Amino acid sequence: MSDEVTSSESSTSLSLRIDELCDQFEAAMRGGGVPRIEDYLQRMTTDVERSVLLKELVLLEMECRRQTGEKFDVFEYARRFPYPAFPSQELGSILGAIETRPPAAGALAVAAAPTAGGLRVILSVVAGPSRGQRFSFDRQDTFVAGRGSLAHLKLPSTDQFSSRVHFQLEVSPPCCRLTNMSSTNGTFVNGVLVSNADLKDGDIILAGDTAIRVSIE
């Protein structure tokens, strides 16, 4: 068996373990419990595994708390998980994309007023299992793609190159800014690996096996 195959199988196994733990954590939160991230980290065996799980659980907990309107200090995570457990650049990427604001409802949000000029940002899934899905935004909103249940666009659980929270878009037509949220799997725009990107009409986002075309009308 080649090292490449072994590495692939190991990555898939880790992804499944992290998905299972994240599902348990989310179910506990939504059931009214107060699960501790620290307890879940103890179930992993290496620092690398704990680092990957840590980011997923922090993202998950912050989004659950934000959706319920809970007030919290985002910097508490830096205090709870200081360097090197939680590198500052990882925290920065999270804080830059998930802010303490009212819950977003994806393409169905109606709280914000439509932007002037009747402009729309349209996301069309052009490749992958969700091919044919379209999301239209005519006002300020937030959009998340990933394997997790909090995602607006659900990436397939069988796609080992996608993450539970893979990328996030901040939309305010005609502006659309992408932030990569995946620490292990990247997000590409027009074939280029990006951390952040201001999207324009015709751009193609690639996350795992899923490709999404951006249109501005």
Protein backbone atom coordinates (compact mmCIF):
# COMPACT_ATOMS: atom_id res chain seq x y z
CA MET A 1 0.00 0.00 0.00
CA SER A 2 1.46 3.38 -1.01
CA ASP A 3 2.06 6.26 1.39
CA GLU A 4 -0.40 8.34 -0.70
CA VAL A 5 -3.23 5.82 -0.20
CA THR A 6 -2.43 5.50 3.51
CA SER A 7 -2.46 9.29 3.89
CA SER A 8 -5.79 9.54 2.04
CA GLU A 9 -7.39 6.88 4.22
CA SER A 10 -6.03 8.55 7.36
CA SER A 11 -7.44 11.91 6.26
CA THR A 12 -10.84 10.39 5.55
CA SER A 13 -10.88 8.62 8.92
CA LEU A 14 -9.98 11.84 10.73
CA SER A 15 -12.66 13.75 8.83
CA LEU A 16 -15.30 11.20 9.83
CA ARG A 17 -14.22 11.30 13.48
CA ILE A 18 -14.35 15.09 13.54
CA ASP A 19 -17.78 15.10 11.88
CA GLU A 20 -19.08 12.67 14.50
CA LEU A 21 -17.74 14.74 17.41
CA CYS A 22 -19.06 17.97 15.90
CA ASP A 23 -22.50 16.39 15.43
CA GLN A 24 -22.51 15.31 19.08
CA PHE A 25 -21.39 18.76 20.20
CA GLU A 26 -24.03 20.55 18.12
CA ALA A 27 -26.79 18.20 19.30
CA ALA A 28 -25.81 18.89 22.91
CA MET A 29 -25.91 22.66 22.35
CA ARG A 30 -29.25 22.60 20.55
CA GLY A 31 -30.64 20.33 23.27
CA GLY A 32 -30.04 23.02 25.86
CA GLY A 33 -26.80 21.61 27.21
CA VAL A 34 -23.51 23.40 27.75
CA PRO A 35 -20.89 21.12 26.19
CA ARG A 36 -17.24 22.00 26.80
CA ILE A 37 -14.89 22.13 23.83
CA GLU A 38 -12.06 21.07 26.14
CA ASP A 39 -13.78 17.76 26.89
CA TYR A 40 -14.13 16.95 23.19
CA LEU A 41 -10.49 17.77 22.47
CA GLN A 42 -9.42 15.11 24.97
CA ARG A 43 -10.92 12.48 22.67
CA MET A 44 -8.26 13.16 20.02
CA THR A 45 -4.83 11.56 20.25
CA THR A 46 -2.45 14.03 18.57
CA ASP A 47 -1.86 17.78 18.59
CA VAL A 48 -2.64 17.94 14.87
CA GLU A 49 -6.01 16.24 15.37
CA ARG A 50 -6.85 18.48 18.33
CA SER A 51 -5.94 21.58 16.30
CA VAL A 52 -8.27 20.58 13.45
CA LEU A 53 -11.13 19.69 15.82
CA LEU A 54 -10.59 22.87 17.86
CA LYS A 55 -11.22 25.16 14.92
CA GLU A 56 -14.31 23.24 13.85
CA LEU A 57 -15.79 23.31 17.37
CA VAL A 58 -15.03 27.00 17.88
CA LEU A 59 -16.69 27.85 14.57
CA LEU A 60 -19.66 25.68 15.48
CA GLU A 61 -20.08 27.08 18.98
CA MET A 62 -19.75 30.70 17.84
CA GLU A 63 -22.32 30.23 15.08
CA CYS A 64 -24.79 28.46 17.40
CA ARG A 65 -24.42 31.24 19.97
CA ARG A 66 -24.78 33.91 17.31
CA GLN A 67 -27.93 32.32 15.87
CA THR A 68 -29.59 32.30 19.28
CA GLY A 69 -28.70 35.97 19.79
CA GLU A 70 -26.41 35.23 22.73
CA LYS A 71 -24.00 38.00 23.65
CA PHE A 72 -20.44 36.79 24.06
CA ASP A 73 -16.85 37.95 23.90
CA VAL A 74 -15.21 36.46 20.82
CA PHE A 75 -11.80 36.86 22.41
CA GLU A 76 -12.70 34.41 25.14
CA TYR A 77 -11.48 31.69 22.80
CA ALA A 78 -8.00 33.21 22.67
CA ARG A 79 -7.95 33.16 26.45
CA ARG A 80 -9.30 29.61 26.69
CA PHE A 81 -7.00 28.23 24.01
CA PRO A 82 -3.78 30.29 24.02
CA TYR A 83 -0.90 29.83 21.61
CA PRO A 84 0.31 27.29 20.53
CA ALA A 85 -2.97 25.41 21.03
CA PHE A 86 -4.81 28.03 19.00
CA PRO A 87 -2.49 30.10 16.76
CA SER A 88 -3.45 33.76 16.57
CA GLN A 89 -3.79 33.65 12.77
CA GLU A 90 -6.43 30.92 13.11
CA LEU A 91 -8.42 33.06 15.55
CA GLY A 92 -8.06 36.04 13.24
CA SER A 93 -9.52 34.15 10.28
CA ILE A 94 -12.53 33.16 12.38
CA LEU A 95 -13.15 36.58 13.88
CA GLY A 96 -12.86 38.15 10.46
CA ALA A 97 -15.74 36.07 9.14
CA ILE A 98 -18.07 35.42 12.09
CA GLU A 99 -19.09 38.56 13.92
CA THR A 100 -21.48 39.19 16.80
CA ARG A 101 -24.47 40.30 14.77
CA PRO A 102 -28.07 39.07 14.40
CA PRO A 103 -28.53 35.64 12.79
CA ALA A 104 -28.41 35.42 9.04
CA ALA A 105 -30.92 33.34 7.11
CA GLY A 106 -29.03 32.80 3.88
CA ALA A 107 -30.83 33.68 0.68
CA LEU A 108 -34.15 33.90 2.54
CA ALA A 109 -33.23 36.80 4.83
CA VAL A 110 -35.73 39.66 4.80
CA ALA A 111 -34.59 41.82 7.71
CA ALA A 112 -32.22 43.99 5.70
CA ALA A 113 -33.49 46.43 3.08
CA PRO A 114 -32.72 45.69 -0.58
CA THR A 115 -29.66 47.48 -1.90
CA ALA A 116 -30.09 50.53 -4.11
CA GLY A 117 -30.30 49.97 -7.86
CA GLY A 118 -31.95 46.56 -7.71
CA LEU A 119 -28.63 44.72 -7.98
CA ARG A 120 -28.47 41.03 -7.16
CA VAL A 121 -25.69 38.54 -6.44
CA ILE A 122 -26.55 35.06 -7.71
CA LEU A 123 -24.68 31.88 -6.80
CA SER A 124 -25.21 28.97 -9.18
CA VAL A 125 -23.83 25.52 -8.38
CA VAL A 126 -22.40 24.35 -11.70
CA ALA A 127 -20.60 21.16 -10.61
CA GLY A 128 -20.94 18.63 -7.82
CA PRO A 129 -23.86 16.78 -6.21
CA SER A 130 -25.80 20.04 -5.66
CA ARG A 131 -25.52 21.09 -9.31
CA GLY A 132 -28.50 23.21 -10.34
CA GLN A 133 -29.05 24.94 -6.98
CA ARG A 134 -29.22 28.74 -7.10
CA PHE A 135 -29.09 31.34 -4.33
CA SER A 136 -30.11 34.94 -4.99
CA PHE A 137 -29.28 37.93 -2.77
CA ASP A 138 -30.69 41.43 -3.23
CA ARG A 139 -29.66 42.71 0.21
CA GLN A 140 -26.89 42.41 2.78
CA ASP A 141 -26.52 38.84 4.00
CA THR A 142 -24.17 36.07 5.06
CA PHE A 143 -23.81 32.73 3.28
CA VAL A 144 -21.95 29.64 4.55
CA ALA A 145 -20.95 26.55 2.55
CA GLY A 146 -19.78 23.35 4.21
CA ARG A 147 -20.65 19.84 5.34
CA GLY A 148 -22.07 20.98 8.68
CA SER A 149 -25.77 21.37 9.43
CA LEU A 150 -25.35 25.14 9.86
CA ALA A 151 -24.35 25.59 6.21
CA HIS A 152 -26.74 27.20 3.73
CA LEU A 153 -25.13 25.19 0.90
CA LYS A 154 -24.55 21.63 2.16
CA LEU A 155 -21.42 20.09 0.70
CA PRO A 156 -21.51 16.29 0.44
CA SER A 157 -20.38 14.36 3.53
CA THR A 158 -18.54 11.95 1.22
CA ASP A 159 -16.31 14.73 -0.14
CA GLN A 160 -13.06 14.38 1.84
CA PHE A 161 -11.80 17.69 0.44
CA SER A 162 -14.61 19.76 1.96
CA SER A 163 -14.94 20.94 5.57
CA ARG A 164 -17.90 21.36 7.91
CA VAL A 165 -17.52 25.13 7.61
CA HIS A 166 -15.65 25.54 4.35
CA PHE A 167 -16.11 29.17 3.31
CA GLN A 168 -18.28 32.15 4.08
CA LEU A 169 -19.55 34.98 1.88
CA GLU A 170 -20.43 38.46 3.05
CA VAL A 171 -22.88 39.79 0.47
CA SER A 172 -23.94 43.40 -0.03
CA PRO A 173 -24.85 43.66 -3.72
CA PRO A 174 -22.91 44.25 -5.87
CA CYS A 175 -20.11 43.46 -3.40
CA CYS A 176 -19.39 39.89 -2.40
CA ARG A 177 -16.41 38.94 -0.23
CA LEU A 178 -15.27 35.36 0.34
CA THR A 179 -13.39 34.16 3.43
CA ASN A 180 -11.91 30.68 3.52
CA MET A 181 -12.79 29.00 6.83
CA SER A 182 -11.14 25.62 6.21
CA SER A 183 -7.83 24.94 7.94
CA THR A 184 -7.20 21.63 6.15
CA ASN A 185 -8.94 22.05 2.77
CA GLY A 186 -8.59 25.19 0.73
CA THR A 187 -11.04 27.33 -1.23
CA PHE A 188 -10.18 28.29 -4.80
CA VAL A 189 -11.37 31.21 -6.92
CA ASN A 190 -10.74 30.78 -10.64
CA GLY A 191 -8.25 28.05 -9.81
CA VAL A 192 -6.25 30.12 -7.32
CA LEU A 193 -6.08 29.17 -3.63
CA VAL A 194 -7.32 32.12 -1.55
CA SER A 195 -7.76 33.14 2.07
CA ASN A 196 -9.95 36.13 1.22
CA ALA A 197 -11.24 37.39 -2.11
CA ASP A 198 -13.55 40.11 -3.41
CA LEU A 199 -15.64 38.32 -6.02
CA LYS A 200 -16.77 39.66 -9.37
CA ASP A 201 -19.21 38.61 -12.06
CA GLY A 202 -18.21 35.31 -13.66
CA ASP A 203 -15.89 34.10 -10.89
CA ILE A 204 -15.88 30.38 -10.10
CA ILE A 205 -15.55 29.20 -6.49
CA LEU A 206 -14.27 25.66 -5.96
CA ALA A 207 -14.74 23.91 -2.59
CA GLY A 208 -13.93 20.21 -2.72
CA ASP A 209 -15.86 18.72 -5.62
CA THR A 210 -18.38 21.59 -5.74
CA ALA A 211 -18.06 24.53 -8.14
CA ILE A 212 -20.15 27.70 -7.83
CA ARG A 213 -20.45 30.49 -10.39
CA VAL A 214 -20.91 34.07 -9.18
CA SER A 215 -23.20 36.34 -11.21
CA ILE A 216 -23.95 40.00 -10.51
CA GLU A 217 -27.09 41.31 -12.17
